[in-house]
Amino acid sequence: MAEKHDNISNINDPNKSRITHFLDSTGEKLSKIEWDYRTLKERDKIVAAYKFGSHDQSLTITLISATSYHDANRIAEVNAFNEVPHSRWGVNGGILYLAQSGDEDKVSDIVSLFAGKE
């Protein structure tokens, strides 16, 4: 089956099927955005990290695969994800997700999708 999102087929992560399911459930056509997660605090707890954006850049989703729920939560806390403008974050298993958009309803919808997939 072909991937719905650009550059997702090259993801090498034990959580790939969960990440793909999360992204597919958004209903958005998303492309991978290159970024350097090594600037984050607690980066030693990160297995892999990805950022995806809608083609019009009205939505970005950051997904961080951590070794555990506790580690994912810690990464969000020490990097002050709760202070990122126009965003919300959550943790599902060992996956930390951050949705950003100027559209608060879109952010709420994305976070609800991810929170409900555990």
Protein backbone atom coordinates (compact mmCIF):
# COMPACT_ATOMS: atom_id res chain seq x y z
CA MET A 1 0.00 0.00 0.00
CA ALA A 2 1.38 3.42 -0.93
CA GLU A 3 2.08 5.88 1.86
CA LYS A 4 -0.24 8.90 1.98
CA HIS A 5 2.52 11.21 3.19
CA ASP A 6 5.70 12.36 1.47
CA ASN A 7 8.93 10.87 2.83
CA ILE A 8 7.32 8.62 5.42
CA SER A 9 8.44 5.38 3.82
CA ASN A 10 12.03 6.00 4.91
CA ILE A 11 11.16 6.20 8.61
CA ASN A 12 13.10 3.56 10.51
CA ASP A 13 11.42 3.47 13.90
CA PRO A 14 9.79 0.73 15.98
CA ASN A 15 6.75 3.02 16.23
CA LYS A 16 6.44 3.49 12.45
CA SER A 17 3.05 1.77 12.17
CA ARG A 18 1.64 3.87 15.02
CA ILE A 19 3.11 7.06 13.58
CA THR A 20 1.69 6.24 10.15
CA HIS A 21 -1.72 5.52 11.68
CA PHE A 22 -1.65 8.84 13.58
CA LEU A 23 -0.75 10.79 10.45
CA ASP A 24 -3.32 8.98 8.30
CA SER A 25 -6.06 9.74 10.81
CA THR A 26 -5.51 13.50 10.42
CA GLY A 27 -7.00 13.52 6.92
CA GLU A 28 -4.25 15.97 5.90
CA LYS A 29 -1.67 15.52 3.15
CA LEU A 30 1.55 15.99 5.09
CA SER A 31 5.19 16.27 4.05
CA LYS A 32 8.21 15.57 6.20
CA ILE A 33 10.08 18.69 7.31
CA GLU A 34 13.78 18.36 8.08
CA TRP A 35 14.77 19.61 11.52
CA ASP A 36 17.43 18.94 14.11
CA TYR A 37 15.93 17.52 17.30
CA ARG A 38 19.40 17.43 18.89
CA THR A 39 18.85 20.99 20.10
CA LEU A 40 16.21 19.68 22.53
CA LYS A 41 16.97 19.04 26.19
CA GLU A 42 16.86 15.37 27.24
CA ARG A 43 17.70 14.36 23.66
CA ASP A 44 19.34 11.20 24.99
CA LYS A 45 15.81 9.89 25.68
CA ILE A 46 14.79 10.37 22.04
CA VAL A 47 14.77 7.30 19.79
CA ALA A 48 13.75 9.31 16.71
CA ALA A 49 11.96 12.55 15.92
CA TYR A 50 9.95 13.80 12.95
CA LYS A 51 8.20 16.94 11.88
CA PHE A 52 5.45 17.05 9.24
CA GLY A 53 3.67 20.00 7.71
CA SER A 54 0.61 20.53 5.58
CA HIS A 55 1.32 21.78 2.07
CA ASP A 56 0.02 25.25 2.93
CA GLN A 57 2.01 25.18 6.22
CA SER A 58 -1.16 25.91 8.21
CA LEU A 59 -0.43 22.84 10.35
CA THR A 60 2.74 21.24 11.67
CA ILE A 61 2.93 18.05 13.67
CA THR A 62 6.03 17.05 15.59
CA LEU A 63 6.33 13.41 16.64
CA ILE A 64 9.03 12.27 19.04
CA SER A 65 9.55 8.59 19.69
CA ALA A 66 10.95 8.12 23.19
CA THR A 67 11.93 5.07 25.19
CA SER A 68 8.86 5.33 27.46
CA TYR A 69 5.79 7.38 28.36
CA HIS A 70 7.71 8.88 31.28
CA ASP A 71 10.62 9.94 29.06
CA ALA A 72 8.30 11.44 26.42
CA ASN A 73 6.50 13.44 29.09
CA ARG A 74 9.81 14.63 30.54
CA ILE A 75 11.02 15.80 27.11
CA ALA A 76 7.89 17.93 26.71
CA GLU A 77 8.21 19.41 30.18
CA VAL A 78 11.90 20.36 30.08
CA ASN A 79 11.55 21.83 26.59
CA ALA A 80 8.52 23.92 27.65
CA PHE A 81 6.23 22.55 24.94
CA ASN A 82 3.31 24.01 26.90
CA GLU A 83 4.68 27.48 26.04
CA VAL A 84 4.88 26.96 22.26
CA PRO A 85 2.41 29.42 20.70
CA HIS A 86 -0.70 28.08 18.94
CA SER A 87 -0.02 24.51 19.96
CA ARG A 88 -0.92 21.63 22.21
CA TRP A 89 0.99 18.48 23.01
CA GLY A 90 0.36 15.07 24.49
CA VAL A 91 1.87 11.65 24.96
CA ASN A 92 0.58 8.35 23.64
CA GLY A 93 2.69 5.46 24.88
CA GLY A 94 6.26 6.42 24.08
CA ILE A 95 5.24 8.91 21.38
CA LEU A 96 5.20 12.62 22.15
CA TYR A 97 3.18 14.71 19.71
CA LEU A 98 2.97 18.47 19.27
CA ALA A 99 0.37 20.01 16.97
CA GLN A 100 0.80 23.64 15.88
CA SER A 101 -1.61 25.78 13.90
CA GLY A 102 -3.15 29.24 13.97
CA ASP A 103 -6.49 27.43 13.87
CA GLU A 104 -7.25 26.36 17.47
CA ASP A 105 -9.98 23.98 16.32
CA LYS A 106 -7.51 22.18 14.04
CA VAL A 107 -5.04 21.82 16.92
CA SER A 108 -7.78 20.43 19.18
CA ASP A 109 -8.90 17.98 16.49
CA ILE A 110 -5.35 16.69 15.95
CA VAL A 111 -4.65 16.32 19.66
CA SER A 112 -7.96 14.50 20.14
CA LEU A 113 -7.09 12.06 17.35
CA PHE A 114 -3.69 11.26 18.80
CA ALA A 115 -4.92 11.04 22.39
CA GLY A 116 -7.67 8.64 21.38
CA LYS A 117 -5.39 6.15 19.61
CA GLU A 118 -3.59 4.70 22.62
